[in-house]
Amino acid sequence: MDQNIYSIITGTGSYIPSKRIGNDQFLTNEFYDIDGKRFTKSNQDIIDKFHEITTIEERRYVTDDLVTSDIATFAANDAINAANIDKEKLDYIIVAHNFGDVKKDNKKTDIVPSLAARVKHQLAIKNPYTVAYDVPFGCPGWLQAVIQADYFLKSGDAKKILVIGAEVLSRVSDPHDRDSMLYGDGAGAIVLEGKISKSPIGIITHLTRSDTLLHSEMLYMDTSYNPDESTKDDLFIKMKGRKLYQYALETVPQAIRECLIKSNTSLQEISKVLIHQANAKMDDAILRRLYNLYDICEFPKNIMPMTISWLGNSSVATIPTLLDLILKNKLPPHQINSGDNLVFASVGAGMNINAIIYKV
């Protein structure tokens, strides 16, 4: 059998902010609809319905002194230490994010220099051939950065790559929009290395699609829903929730199935599905539809680890943080063992979808 280069994860890291924001902290918010009308339902009713759908009880926010590149660096250090590598030997640092460094007292996006350049600076890496760049690709950005890294490693252009997903969504969410309760902050990172192997290992295959013709504006930026605030030039993340929910249910299961077929892997061989988490009800429906595509009525218990109930939606940080927690035995009873087949999948602004099949 011929030997090939495969991309394997040799170290993981994450940063979970210290500030816990429970649902009760939204009781005093003034919520408005898209037309600028105040909701007649009480905040308690709004929060109870939100919790029923999403399962989110709390989320994490960064402290006022931190920005996205800071927490990206924390996660990067964690991953580098776990991989036990010389940081000067990194060929690439790729940072997935969508909003740059948004400061507490200034909502403007700051992406010059790139966040990857800032992370490299904070890591004090001297090597000029450690190439640092960013990937903005919605919530699937971290997975897309991993896919890019896989191409570099398999081509022989690189041997070690640091891939980070970091976001501070708390500063780009409209406090007058109910959807602001979805979002949290966080960072996750991995070190990917090329390994020569006769049998498939690490990243087996991947798939990406971008549905921009009809669905590019399901996530977008706009002013506050509060009419008294809408004249200001601050922009916040907005979402067409119901349309996005239906889009995800129609496309994500099929994309995962196509990726499984491409890798010649059966669904029954999958040990874990690590999926981007924006809504627990939606993720559960996606998993059920995936299994229904194979005429399987029941899916295995604990196959889809969830962190959304206490971390919220941290966008590009969700999957690498989830992976790090499991590998470091911080999310019992979930475990990942040698020989396991994993699915990574994400959906988000674009609309973009991607998936990876990974063999431990």
Protein backbone atom coordinates (compact mmCIF):
# COMPACT_ATOMS: atom_id res chain seq x y z
CA MET A 1 0.00 0.00 0.00
CA ASP A 2 1.28 3.49 -0.91
CA GLN A 3 2.23 5.89 1.85
CA ASN A 4 0.43 9.24 2.01
CA ILE A 5 0.63 12.37 4.12
CA TYR A 6 -2.29 12.80 6.51
CA SER A 7 -3.14 15.75 8.74
CA ILE A 8 -3.41 14.78 12.39
CA ILE A 9 -4.26 16.79 15.48
CA THR A 10 -1.35 16.67 17.92
CA GLY A 11 -2.49 19.25 20.45
CA THR A 12 -5.63 21.15 21.45
CA GLY A 13 -6.31 24.21 23.55
CA SER A 14 -9.15 26.51 24.54
CA TYR A 15 -10.02 29.59 26.53
CA ILE A 16 -13.36 29.79 28.29
CA PRO A 17 -14.00 33.28 29.67
CA SER A 18 -14.55 33.68 33.39
CA LYS A 19 -17.70 35.84 33.33
CA ARG A 20 -20.83 33.70 33.61
CA ILE A 21 -23.91 35.39 32.18
CA GLY A 22 -27.08 33.59 33.24
CA ASN A 23 -30.43 34.03 31.53
CA ASP A 24 -31.69 36.03 34.50
CA GLN A 25 -29.33 38.84 33.53
CA PHE A 26 -31.57 39.56 30.52
CA LEU A 27 -34.65 40.20 32.67
CA THR A 28 -34.09 43.97 32.54
CA ASN A 29 -33.37 44.21 28.81
CA GLU A 30 -35.81 46.06 26.57
CA PHE A 31 -36.53 43.71 23.65
CA TYR A 32 -37.88 44.95 20.32
CA ASP A 33 -38.89 43.19 17.11
CA ILE A 34 -37.39 43.90 13.68
CA ASP A 35 -39.96 46.67 13.12
CA GLY A 36 -38.88 48.52 16.25
CA LYS A 37 -41.94 47.56 18.31
CA ARG A 38 -41.53 46.60 21.96
CA PHE A 39 -42.58 43.01 22.72
CA THR A 40 -45.71 42.75 24.83
CA LYS A 41 -44.64 39.47 26.41
CA SER A 42 -42.73 39.70 29.66
CA ASN A 43 -38.99 39.15 29.60
CA GLN A 44 -39.49 36.08 31.76
CA ASP A 45 -41.79 34.56 29.14
CA ILE A 46 -39.31 35.45 26.38
CA ILE A 47 -36.43 33.90 28.32
CA ASP A 48 -38.39 30.75 29.20
CA LYS A 49 -39.29 30.18 25.53
CA PHE A 50 -35.70 30.88 24.50
CA HIS A 51 -34.41 28.30 26.99
CA GLU A 52 -36.96 25.71 25.84
CA ILE A 53 -35.76 25.99 22.23
CA THR A 54 -32.03 26.45 22.68
CA THR A 55 -31.34 24.83 26.13
CA ILE A 56 -29.04 27.79 26.85
CA GLU A 57 -28.93 28.62 30.55
CA GLU A 58 -25.79 30.74 30.53
CA ARG A 59 -22.99 31.92 28.30
CA ARG A 60 -19.47 33.28 28.91
CA TYR A 61 -18.29 36.85 28.26
CA VAL A 62 -14.73 38.15 28.25
CA THR A 63 -13.66 40.72 30.82
CA ASP A 64 -13.49 44.34 29.69
CA ASP A 65 -9.70 44.30 29.21
CA LEU A 66 -9.64 41.46 26.65
CA VAL A 67 -10.20 41.35 22.89
CA THR A 68 -10.44 38.47 20.44
CA SER A 69 -6.72 38.29 19.63
CA ASP A 70 -5.94 38.02 23.35
CA ILE A 71 -8.13 35.00 23.94
CA ALA A 72 -6.96 33.49 20.64
CA THR A 73 -3.43 33.68 22.02
CA PHE A 74 -4.48 31.99 25.28
CA ALA A 75 -5.98 29.06 23.35
CA ALA A 76 -2.94 28.96 21.02
CA ASN A 77 -0.51 28.68 23.94
CA ASP A 78 -2.60 25.88 25.37
CA ALA A 79 -2.53 23.95 22.09
CA ILE A 80 1.20 24.48 21.53
CA ASN A 81 1.96 23.20 25.03
CA ALA A 82 -0.32 20.19 24.54
CA ALA A 83 1.41 19.34 21.25
CA ASN A 84 4.81 19.80 22.90
CA ILE A 85 6.28 21.55 19.88
CA ASP A 86 8.69 24.41 19.30
CA LYS A 87 6.48 27.36 18.31
CA GLU A 88 9.26 28.58 15.99
CA LYS A 89 8.68 25.48 13.86
CA LEU A 90 5.10 26.49 12.99
CA ASP A 91 4.69 27.02 9.26
CA TYR A 92 1.30 28.75 9.46
CA ILE A 93 -0.92 30.42 12.02
CA ILE A 94 -4.49 30.65 10.74
CA VAL A 95 -7.08 32.49 12.82
CA ALA A 96 -10.79 32.14 12.06
CA HIS A 97 -12.99 34.98 13.29
CA ASN A 98 -15.61 37.35 11.89
CA PHE A 99 -15.41 40.65 13.74
CA GLY A 100 -11.76 41.28 14.56
CA ASP A 101 -10.78 42.96 17.82
CA VAL A 102 -13.89 44.78 19.05
CA LYS A 103 -13.09 46.77 22.18
CA LYS A 104 -15.48 47.26 25.08
CA ASP A 105 -15.69 51.02 24.51
CA ASN A 106 -15.45 50.99 20.71
CA LYS A 107 -17.71 48.74 18.61
CA LYS A 108 -15.71 49.25 15.41
CA THR A 109 -14.09 46.20 13.82
CA ASP A 110 -10.29 46.29 14.02
CA ILE A 111 -8.52 43.83 11.70
CA VAL A 112 -5.33 45.66 10.72
CA PRO A 113 -2.96 44.02 11.30
CA SER A 114 -4.66 40.64 11.05
CA LEU A 115 -5.55 38.82 14.24
CA ALA A 116 -3.14 36.06 13.22
CA ALA A 117 -0.33 38.63 13.08
CA ARG A 118 -1.31 39.85 16.55
CA VAL A 119 -1.35 36.30 17.89
CA LYS A 120 2.07 35.60 16.38
CA HIS A 121 3.35 38.79 18.00
CA GLN A 122 1.90 37.87 21.40
CA LEU A 123 3.41 34.39 21.10
CA ALA A 124 6.77 36.13 20.48
CA ILE A 125 7.50 33.98 17.43
CA LYS A 126 10.62 35.27 15.64
CA ASN A 127 10.51 33.02 12.57
CA PRO A 128 9.55 35.21 9.55
CA TYR A 129 8.45 32.10 7.64
CA THR A 130 5.66 31.39 10.10
CA VAL A 131 2.93 32.77 7.85
CA ALA A 132 0.02 34.36 9.72
CA TYR A 133 -3.36 35.14 8.17
CA ASP A 134 -7.09 35.25 8.96
CA VAL A 135 -10.16 33.43 7.65
CA PRO A 136 -13.59 35.13 7.87
CA PHE A 137 -16.15 32.48 6.85
CA GLY A 138 -19.02 32.76 9.32
CA CYS A 139 -19.40 30.14 12.03
CA PRO A 140 -17.81 27.46 9.79
CA GLY A 141 -14.61 29.54 9.65
CA TRP A 142 -12.54 27.36 11.96
CA LEU A 143 -13.38 24.19 10.05
CA GLN A 144 -12.59 25.96 6.78
CA ALA A 145 -9.22 27.03 8.19
CA VAL A 146 -8.58 23.39 9.12
CA ILE A 147 -9.44 22.38 5.56
CA GLN A 148 -6.96 24.92 4.20
CA ALA A 149 -4.31 23.64 6.62
CA ASP A 150 -4.96 20.11 5.40
CA TYR A 151 -4.14 21.17 1.83
CA PHE A 152 -0.88 22.78 2.96
CA LEU A 153 0.18 19.70 4.91
CA LYS A 154 -0.74 17.18 2.23
CA SER A 155 1.09 19.19 -0.42
CA GLY A 156 4.27 19.04 1.63
CA ASP A 157 4.36 22.84 1.85
CA ALA A 158 4.04 22.69 5.65
CA LYS A 159 4.67 20.34 8.54
CA LYS A 160 3.07 22.10 11.51
CA ILE A 161 0.10 24.48 11.49
CA LEU A 162 -1.72 26.26 14.30
CA VAL A 163 -5.44 26.76 13.61
CA ILE A 164 -7.44 28.99 15.95
CA GLY A 165 -11.09 29.95 16.20
CA ALA A 166 -11.88 32.94 18.41
CA GLU A 167 -14.77 35.34 18.78
CA VAL A 168 -16.12 37.99 21.14
CA LEU A 169 -19.77 38.02 20.12
CA SER A 170 -20.94 39.79 23.28
CA ARG A 171 -19.77 43.11 21.79
CA VAL A 172 -21.52 42.71 18.43
CA SER A 173 -24.90 41.51 19.73
CA ASP A 174 -27.79 43.97 20.06
CA PRO A 175 -29.04 44.04 23.68
CA HIS A 176 -32.50 44.93 22.32
CA ASP A 177 -32.66 41.81 20.12
CA ARG A 178 -33.83 38.52 21.68
CA ASP A 179 -31.18 36.70 19.66
CA SER A 180 -28.49 38.43 21.73
CA MET A 181 -29.11 35.72 24.34
CA LEU A 182 -27.63 33.16 21.94
CA TYR A 183 -24.13 34.51 21.85
CA GLY A 184 -21.05 33.89 23.97
CA ASP A 185 -17.32 34.49 23.75
CA GLY A 186 -14.49 31.98 23.55
CA ALA A 187 -11.48 30.60 21.73
CA GLY A 188 -10.25 27.16 20.70
CA ALA A 189 -7.14 25.97 18.87
CA ILE A 190 -5.40 22.92 17.49
CA VAL A 191 -1.97 22.05 16.18
CA LEU A 192 -2.12 20.04 12.94
CA GLU A 193 0.90 18.09 11.77
CA GLY A 194 1.59 16.04 8.66
CA LYS A 195 2.13 12.33 9.22
CA ILE A 196 3.14 9.69 6.66
CA SER A 197 0.96 6.60 6.96
CA LYS A 198 0.04 3.57 4.88
CA SER A 199 -3.48 3.52 6.30
CA PRO A 200 -5.84 6.52 6.47
CA ILE A 201 -5.58 8.55 9.67
CA GLY A 202 -6.46 12.08 10.74
CA ILE A 203 -8.40 14.09 8.17
CA ILE A 204 -9.81 11.55 5.74
CA THR A 205 -11.89 13.91 3.63
CA HIS A 206 -13.87 17.13 3.75
CA LEU A 207 -16.65 18.99 1.97
CA THR A 208 -17.66 22.64 1.73
CA ARG A 209 -20.54 24.46 0.08
CA SER A 210 -21.57 28.13 -0.13
CA ASP A 211 -25.22 28.91 -0.91
CA THR A 212 -24.96 32.61 -1.65
CA LEU A 213 -27.44 33.10 -4.49
CA LEU A 214 -30.55 32.73 -2.32
CA HIS A 215 -29.26 32.64 1.24
CA SER A 216 -26.44 35.17 1.60
CA GLU A 217 -28.47 37.52 3.81
CA MET A 218 -29.78 35.13 6.46
CA LEU A 219 -27.08 36.50 8.75
CA TYR A 220 -26.18 40.16 8.34
CA MET A 221 -25.14 43.33 10.16
CA ASP A 222 -27.58 46.12 11.00
CA THR A 223 -28.38 48.81 13.55
CA SER A 224 -30.18 48.18 16.84
CA TYR A 225 -33.84 47.12 16.90
CA ASN A 226 -34.42 49.86 19.48
CA PRO A 227 -35.67 52.85 17.44
CA ASP A 228 -33.99 55.24 19.88
CA GLU A 229 -30.65 53.56 19.15
CA SER A 230 -31.08 52.83 15.44
CA THR A 231 -29.78 56.23 14.35
CA LYS A 232 -26.36 55.42 15.79
CA ASP A 233 -23.76 53.89 13.49
CA ASP A 234 -23.04 50.83 15.64
CA LEU A 235 -23.76 47.61 13.76
CA PHE A 236 -24.87 44.33 15.34
CA ILE A 237 -25.22 40.77 14.12
CA LYS A 238 -28.75 39.95 12.94
CA MET A 239 -30.33 36.66 11.97
CA LYS A 240 -33.39 35.43 10.10
CA GLY A 241 -33.83 32.61 12.58
CA ARG A 242 -36.70 30.62 11.13
CA LYS A 243 -35.31 30.61 7.59
CA LEU A 244 -31.86 29.69 8.87
CA TYR A 245 -33.32 26.84 10.92
CA GLN A 246 -35.09 25.39 7.88
CA TYR A 247 -32.05 25.85 5.66
CA ALA A 248 -29.83 24.00 8.12
CA LEU A 249 -32.26 21.09 8.40
CA GLU A 250 -32.48 20.76 4.64
CA THR A 251 -28.78 21.01 3.84
CA VAL A 252 -26.50 20.04 6.74
CA PRO A 253 -27.56 16.35 7.01
CA GLN A 254 -27.13 15.94 3.25
CA ALA A 255 -23.70 17.59 3.32
CA ILE A 256 -22.53 15.26 6.10
CA ARG A 257 -23.87 12.27 4.17
CA GLU A 258 -22.01 13.36 1.03
CA CYS A 259 -18.82 13.69 3.07
CA LEU A 260 -19.30 10.20 4.53
CA ILE A 261 -19.81 8.76 1.04
CA LYS A 262 -16.74 10.61 -0.21
CA SER A 263 -14.65 9.05 2.59
CA ASN A 264 -16.15 5.59 2.13
CA THR A 265 -17.28 5.66 5.78
CA SER A 266 -20.62 4.34 7.01
CA LEU A 267 -22.67 6.31 9.51
CA GLN A 268 -22.53 3.32 11.87
CA GLU A 269 -18.74 3.72 12.03
CA ILE A 270 -19.02 7.26 13.47
CA SER A 271 -18.25 7.55 17.18
CA LYS A 272 -18.90 11.28 17.67
CA VAL A 273 -20.55 14.12 15.79
CA LEU A 274 -18.96 17.42 16.81
CA ILE A 275 -21.24 20.07 15.38
CA HIS A 276 -21.42 23.84 15.60
CA GLN A 277 -23.95 24.76 18.27
CA ALA A 278 -26.31 27.68 17.78
CA ASN A 279 -29.52 25.99 18.85
CA ALA A 280 -29.78 22.62 20.60
CA LYS A 281 -33.21 21.89 19.13
CA MET A 282 -31.85 22.51 15.62
CA ASP A 283 -28.78 20.33 16.18
CA ASP A 284 -30.95 17.50 17.47
CA ALA A 285 -33.18 17.79 14.39
CA ILE A 286 -30.12 17.81 12.10
CA LEU A 287 -28.83 14.62 13.70
CA ARG A 288 -32.22 12.92 13.42
CA ARG A 289 -32.50 13.85 9.75
CA LEU A 290 -28.99 12.54 9.13
CA TYR A 291 -29.89 9.17 10.58
CA ASN A 292 -33.21 9.20 8.71
CA LEU A 293 -31.24 9.48 5.46
CA TYR A 294 -29.91 6.01 6.33
CA ASP A 295 -33.35 4.77 7.45
CA ILE A 296 -32.13 4.58 11.05
CA CYS A 297 -34.77 5.64 13.56
CA GLU A 298 -32.61 5.92 16.69
CA PHE A 299 -29.11 7.34 16.99
CA PRO A 300 -26.59 6.21 19.64
CA LYS A 301 -26.67 7.88 23.03
CA ASN A 302 -23.96 10.51 23.65
CA ILE A 303 -22.91 10.62 19.99
CA MET A 304 -23.36 14.41 19.83
CA PRO A 305 -21.64 16.15 22.78
CA MET A 306 -23.17 19.51 23.63
CA THR A 307 -21.82 22.58 25.42
CA ILE A 308 -24.39 25.15 24.31
CA SER A 309 -26.33 25.05 27.59
CA TRP A 310 -23.46 26.69 29.48
CA LEU A 311 -21.27 28.25 26.76
CA GLY A 312 -23.89 29.53 24.32
CA ASN A 313 -23.01 30.04 20.67
CA SER A 314 -19.33 31.02 20.47
CA SER A 315 -19.24 30.77 16.65
CA VAL A 316 -15.83 29.62 15.33
CA ALA A 317 -14.70 28.69 18.85
CA THR A 318 -17.43 26.13 19.45
CA ILE A 319 -15.97 23.01 17.81
CA PRO A 320 -12.29 23.40 18.81
CA THR A 321 -13.36 24.17 22.39
CA LEU A 322 -15.63 21.13 22.41
CA LEU A 323 -12.83 18.92 21.09
CA ASP A 324 -10.37 20.24 23.67
CA LEU A 325 -12.76 19.62 26.56
CA ILE A 326 -13.39 16.02 25.50
CA LEU A 327 -9.74 15.17 24.87
CA LYS A 328 -8.78 16.57 28.27
CA ASN A 329 -11.56 14.64 30.05
CA LYS A 330 -13.41 17.82 31.00
CA LEU A 331 -16.75 16.84 29.47
CA PRO A 332 -17.75 13.49 31.01
CA PRO A 333 -18.98 10.97 30.04
CA HIS A 334 -17.68 11.83 26.55
CA GLN A 335 -14.40 10.31 25.41
CA ILE A 336 -12.49 10.06 22.16
CA ASN A 337 -10.39 6.95 21.70
CA SER A 338 -7.83 5.68 19.23
CA GLY A 339 -9.54 4.30 16.14
CA ASP A 340 -12.67 6.44 16.54
CA ASN A 341 -14.20 8.08 13.48
CA LEU A 342 -15.39 11.65 14.04
CA VAL A 343 -17.61 14.01 12.10
CA PHE A 344 -16.98 17.75 12.37
CA ALA A 345 -19.71 19.91 10.84
CA SER A 346 -20.72 23.55 10.82
CA VAL A 347 -23.22 25.94 9.24
CA GLY A 348 -23.30 29.71 9.28
CA ALA A 349 -23.14 33.06 7.56
CA GLY A 350 -22.66 32.87 3.84
CA MET A 351 -24.60 30.63 3.95
CA ASN A 352 -21.68 28.24 4.34
CA ILE A 353 -21.61 24.59 5.32
CA ASN A 354 -18.62 22.33 5.80
CA ALA A 355 -17.82 18.91 7.19
CA ILE A 356 -14.75 16.81 7.93
CA ILE A 357 -14.35 13.08 8.53
CA TYR A 358 -11.51 12.46 10.97
CA LYS A 359 -10.01 9.15 12.10
CA VAL A 360 -8.26 9.20 15.48
